[in-house]
Amino acid sequence: QIKQAIVGNGRAEKYQVQSMVKILLNLSEIPQPDHAADALAAAICHIHTKY
């Protein structure tokens, strides 16, 4: 569900999710470590579904 919400494709690769998190949050770099990008993606998904 998170991949679908962030990238628009439920079969997205990890790097695609990381890239979209970078774009959506207007960051200069992809969040590191990888788990940080995953957590941010989950938070973005939560915000979009909650509000």
PDB file of N, CA and C in Angstrom:
ATOM      1  N   GLN A   1       0.815  -1.194   0.000  1.00  0.00           N
ATOM      2  CA  GLN A   1       0.000   0.000   0.000  1.00  0.00           C
ATOM      3  C   GLN A   1       0.859   1.257   0.000  1.00  0.00           C
ATOM      4  N   ILE A   2       1.966   1.203   0.720  1.00  0.00           N
ATOM      5  CA  ILE A   2       2.839   2.383   0.779  1.00  0.00           C
ATOM      6  C   ILE A   2       3.454   2.643  -0.589  1.00  0.00           C
ATOM      7  N   LYS A   3       3.943   1.600  -1.241  1.00  0.00           N
ATOM      8  CA  LYS A   3       4.531   1.772  -2.570  1.00  0.00           C
ATOM      9  C   LYS A   3       3.505   2.348  -3.537  1.00  0.00           C
ATOM     10  N   GLN A   4       2.298   1.836  -3.474  1.00  0.00           N
ATOM     11  CA  GLN A   4       1.228   2.321  -4.349  1.00  0.00           C
ATOM     12  C   GLN A   4       0.945   3.798  -4.088  1.00  0.00           C
ATOM     13  N   ALA A   5       0.894   4.175  -2.821  1.00  0.00           N
ATOM     14  CA  ALA A   5       0.577   5.558  -2.462  1.00  0.00           C
ATOM     15  C   ALA A   5       1.703   6.526  -2.818  1.00  0.00           C
ATOM     16  N   ILE A   6       2.935   6.103  -2.647  1.00  0.00           N
ATOM     17  CA  ILE A   6       4.077   6.999  -2.861  1.00  0.00           C
ATOM     18  C   ILE A   6       4.482   7.078  -4.327  1.00  0.00           C
ATOM     19  N   VAL A   7       4.583   5.908  -4.971  1.00  0.00           N
ATOM     20  CA  VAL A   7       5.097   5.852  -6.337  1.00  0.00           C
ATOM     21  C   VAL A   7       3.975   5.733  -7.370  1.00  0.00           C
ATOM     22  N   GLY A   8       2.850   5.146  -6.950  1.00  0.00           N
ATOM     23  CA  GLY A   8       1.769   4.901  -7.893  1.00  0.00           C
ATOM     24  C   GLY A   8       1.826   3.516  -8.490  1.00  0.00           C
ATOM     25  N   ASN A   9       2.733   2.691  -7.954  1.00  0.00           N
ATOM     26  CA  ASN A   9       2.909   1.329  -8.441  1.00  0.00           C
ATOM     27  C   ASN A   9       3.227   0.444  -7.249  1.00  0.00           C
ATOM     28  N   GLY A  10       2.375  -0.534  -6.979  1.00  0.00           N
ATOM     29  CA  GLY A  10       2.581  -1.420  -5.842  1.00  0.00           C
ATOM     30  C   GLY A  10       3.788  -2.321  -5.964  1.00  0.00           C
ATOM     31  N   ARG A  11       4.359  -2.398  -7.163  1.00  0.00           N
ATOM     32  CA  ARG A  11       5.543  -3.241  -7.383  1.00  0.00           C
ATOM     33  C   ARG A  11       6.815  -2.406  -7.540  1.00  0.00           C
ATOM     34  N   ALA A  12       6.774  -1.201  -7.056  1.00  0.00           N
ATOM     35  CA  ALA A  12       7.922  -0.293  -7.184  1.00  0.00           C
ATOM     36  C   ALA A  12       9.136  -0.843  -6.444  1.00  0.00           C
ATOM     37  N   GLU A  13      10.290  -0.525  -6.960  1.00  0.00           N
ATOM     38  CA  GLU A  13      11.550  -0.905  -6.325  1.00  0.00           C
ATOM     39  C   GLU A  13      11.854   0.077  -5.194  1.00  0.00           C
ATOM     40  N   LYS A  14      12.734  -0.362  -4.295  1.00  0.00           N
ATOM     41  CA  LYS A  14      13.095   0.468  -3.138  1.00  0.00           C
ATOM     42  C   LYS A  14      13.656   1.822  -3.584  1.00  0.00           C
ATOM     43  N   TYR A  15      14.496   1.830  -4.608  1.00  0.00           N
ATOM     44  CA  TYR A  15      15.097   3.091  -5.049  1.00  0.00           C
ATOM     45  C   TYR A  15      14.038   4.055  -5.584  1.00  0.00           C
ATOM     46  N   GLN A  16      12.945   3.525  -6.156  1.00  0.00           N
ATOM     47  CA  GLN A  16      11.882   4.389  -6.652  1.00  0.00           C
ATOM     48  C   GLN A  16      11.147   5.064  -5.494  1.00  0.00           C
ATOM     49  N   VAL A  17      10.900   4.299  -4.443  1.00  0.00           N
ATOM     50  CA  VAL A  17      10.255   4.861  -3.256  1.00  0.00           C
ATOM     51  C   VAL A  17      11.167   5.919  -2.643  1.00  0.00           C
ATOM     52  N   GLN A  18      12.452   5.616  -2.523  1.00  0.00           N
ATOM     53  CA  GLN A  18      13.410   6.563  -1.954  1.00  0.00           C
ATOM     54  C   GLN A  18      13.455   7.852  -2.777  1.00  0.00           C
ATOM     55  N   SER A  19      13.446   7.716  -4.085  1.00  0.00           N
ATOM     56  CA  SER A  19      13.492   8.895  -4.957  1.00  0.00           C
ATOM     57  C   SER A  19      12.245   9.755  -4.804  1.00  0.00           C
ATOM     58  N   MET A  20      11.085   9.117  -4.698  1.00  0.00           N
ATOM     59  CA  MET A  20       9.848   9.878  -4.529  1.00  0.00           C
ATOM     60  C   MET A  20       9.787  10.558  -3.168  1.00  0.00           C
ATOM     61  N   VAL A  21      10.304   9.910  -2.129  1.00  0.00           N
ATOM     62  CA  VAL A  21      10.364  10.545  -0.807  1.00  0.00           C
ATOM     63  C   VAL A  21      11.224  11.804  -0.900  1.00  0.00           C
ATOM     64  N   LYS A  22      12.346  11.695  -1.579  1.00  0.00           N
ATOM     65  CA  LYS A  22      13.237  12.848  -1.767  1.00  0.00           C
ATOM     66  C   LYS A  22      12.498  13.985  -2.471  1.00  0.00           C
ATOM     67  N   ILE A  23      11.761  13.657  -3.524  1.00  0.00           N
ATOM     68  CA  ILE A  23      11.033  14.670  -4.289  1.00  0.00           C
ATOM     69  C   ILE A  23       9.893  15.270  -3.466  1.00  0.00           C
ATOM     70  N   LEU A  24       9.094  14.402  -2.848  1.00  0.00           N
ATOM     71  CA  LEU A  24       7.922  14.874  -2.105  1.00  0.00           C
ATOM     72  C   LEU A  24       8.289  15.772  -0.930  1.00  0.00           C
ATOM     73  N   LEU A  25       9.431  15.489  -0.308  1.00  0.00           N
ATOM     74  CA  LEU A  25       9.854  16.275   0.850  1.00  0.00           C
ATOM     75  C   LEU A  25      10.863  17.368   0.486  1.00  0.00           C
ATOM     76  N   ASN A  26      11.141  17.495  -0.823  1.00  0.00           N
ATOM     77  CA  ASN A  26      12.060  18.519  -1.312  1.00  0.00           C
ATOM     78  C   ASN A  26      13.416  18.441  -0.607  1.00  0.00           C
ATOM     79  N   LEU A  27      13.950  17.226  -0.532  1.00  0.00           N
ATOM     80  CA  LEU A  27      15.245  16.997   0.107  1.00  0.00           C
ATOM     81  C   LEU A  27      16.360  17.091  -0.924  1.00  0.00           C
ATOM     82  N   SER A  28      17.553  17.414  -0.500  1.00  0.00           N
ATOM     83  CA  SER A  28      18.686  17.500  -1.420  1.00  0.00           C
ATOM     84  C   SER A  28      19.281  16.129  -1.725  1.00  0.00           C
ATOM     85  N   GLU A  29      19.068  15.174  -0.822  1.00  0.00           N
ATOM     86  CA  GLU A  29      19.596  13.819  -1.011  1.00  0.00           C
ATOM     87  C   GLU A  29      18.557  12.802  -0.563  1.00  0.00           C
ATOM     88  N   ILE A  30      18.721  11.572  -1.026  1.00  0.00           N
ATOM     89  CA  ILE A  30      17.865  10.477  -0.569  1.00  0.00           C
ATOM     90  C   ILE A  30      18.198  10.199   0.890  1.00  0.00           C
ATOM     91  N   PRO A  31      17.186  10.077   1.735  1.00  0.00           N
ATOM     92  CA  PRO A  31      17.434   9.826   3.162  1.00  0.00           C
ATOM     93  C   PRO A  31      18.227   8.538   3.382  1.00  0.00           C
ATOM     94  N   GLN A  32      19.175   8.599   4.271  1.00  0.00           N
ATOM     95  CA  GLN A  32      19.994   7.441   4.632  1.00  0.00           C
ATOM     96  C   GLN A  32      19.922   7.235   6.122  1.00  0.00           C
ATOM     97  N   PRO A  33      19.932   6.035   6.633  1.00  0.00           N
ATOM     98  CA  PRO A  33      19.953   4.761   5.914  1.00  0.00           C
ATOM     99  C   PRO A  33      18.620   4.489   5.220  1.00  0.00           C
ATOM    100  N   ASP A  34      18.560   3.379   4.489  1.00  0.00           N
ATOM    101  CA  ASP A  34      17.364   3.019   3.731  1.00  0.00           C
ATOM    102  C   ASP A  34      16.115   2.996   4.599  1.00  0.00           C
ATOM    103  N   HIS A  35      16.259   2.574   5.838  1.00  0.00           N
ATOM    104  CA  HIS A  35      15.105   2.477   6.732  1.00  0.00           C
ATOM    105  C   HIS A  35      14.506   3.853   7.033  1.00  0.00           C
ATOM    106  N   ALA A  36      15.324   4.888   6.962  1.00  0.00           N
ATOM    107  CA  ALA A  36      14.816   6.245   7.186  1.00  0.00           C
ATOM    108  C   ALA A  36      13.854   6.631   6.063  1.00  0.00           C
ATOM    109  N   ALA A  37      14.210   6.298   4.830  1.00  0.00           N
ATOM    110  CA  ALA A  37      13.327   6.582   3.699  1.00  0.00           C
ATOM    111  C   ALA A  37      12.035   5.782   3.819  1.00  0.00           C
ATOM    112  N   ASP A  38      12.134   4.542   4.272  1.00  0.00           N
ATOM    113  CA  ASP A  38      10.944   3.709   4.472  1.00  0.00           C
ATOM    114  C   ASP A  38      10.023   4.329   5.519  1.00  0.00           C
ATOM    115  N   ALA A  39      10.597   4.805   6.606  1.00  0.00           N
ATOM    116  CA  ALA A  39       9.801   5.418   7.673  1.00  0.00           C
ATOM    117  C   ALA A  39       9.139   6.703   7.181  1.00  0.00           C
ATOM    118  N   LEU A  40       9.864   7.497   6.426  1.00  0.00           N
ATOM    119  CA  LEU A  40       9.288   8.729   5.881  1.00  0.00           C
ATOM    120  C   LEU A  40       8.173   8.418   4.887  1.00  0.00           C
ATOM    121  N   ALA A  41       8.358   7.377   4.086  1.00  0.00           N
ATOM    122  CA  ALA A  41       7.315   6.967   3.141  1.00  0.00           C
ATOM    123  C   ALA A  41       6.053   6.549   3.884  1.00  0.00           C
ATOM    124  N   ALA A  42       6.218   5.814   4.971  1.00  0.00           N
ATOM    125  CA  ALA A  42       5.068   5.400   5.781  1.00  0.00           C
ATOM    126  C   ALA A  42       4.367   6.618   6.375  1.00  0.00           C
ATOM    127  N   ALA A  43       5.137   7.592   6.829  1.00  0.00           N
ATOM    128  CA  ALA A  43       4.556   8.809   7.405  1.00  0.00           C
ATOM    129  C   ALA A  43       3.798   9.607   6.346  1.00  0.00           C
ATOM    130  N   ILE A  44       4.362   9.728   5.159  1.00  0.00           N
ATOM    131  CA  ILE A  44       3.689  10.437   4.066  1.00  0.00           C
ATOM    132  C   ILE A  44       2.378   9.733   3.724  1.00  0.00           C
ATOM    133  N   CYS A  45       2.427   8.417   3.636  1.00  0.00           N
ATOM    134  CA  CYS A  45       1.228   7.631   3.339  1.00  0.00           C
ATOM    135  C   CYS A  45       0.166   7.854   4.411  1.00  0.00           C
ATOM    136  N   HIS A  46       0.569   7.859   5.649  1.00  0.00           N
ATOM    137  CA  HIS A  46      -0.362   8.068   6.762  1.00  0.00           C
ATOM    138  C   HIS A  46      -1.022   9.442   6.672  1.00  0.00           C
ATOM    139  N   ILE A  47      -0.231  10.448   6.393  1.00  0.00           N
ATOM    140  CA  ILE A  47      -0.767  11.809   6.286  1.00  0.00           C
ATOM    141  C   ILE A  47      -1.783  11.901   5.150  1.00  0.00           C
ATOM    142  N   HIS A  48      -1.463  11.285   4.015  1.00  0.00           N
ATOM    143  CA  HIS A  48      -2.370  11.346   2.867  1.00  0.00           C
ATOM    144  C   HIS A  48      -3.673  10.601   3.117  1.00  0.00           C
ATOM    145  N   THR A  49      -3.622   9.529   3.871  1.00  0.00           N
ATOM    146  CA  THR A  49      -4.842   8.762   4.120  1.00  0.00           C
ATOM    147  C   THR A  49      -5.638   9.334   5.289  1.00  0.00           C
ATOM    148  N   LYS A  50      -4.971  10.039   6.187  1.00  0.00           N
ATOM    149  CA  LYS A  50      -5.630  10.580   7.371  1.00  0.00           C
ATOM    150  C   LYS A  50      -6.342  11.896   7.066  1.00  0.00           C
ATOM    151  N   TYR A  51      -5.750  12.718   6.199  1.00  0.00           N
ATOM    152  CA  TYR A  51      -6.292  14.061   5.967  1.00  0.00           C
ATOM    153  C   TYR A  51      -6.733  14.234   4.536  1.00  0.00           C
TER     154      TYR A  51
END
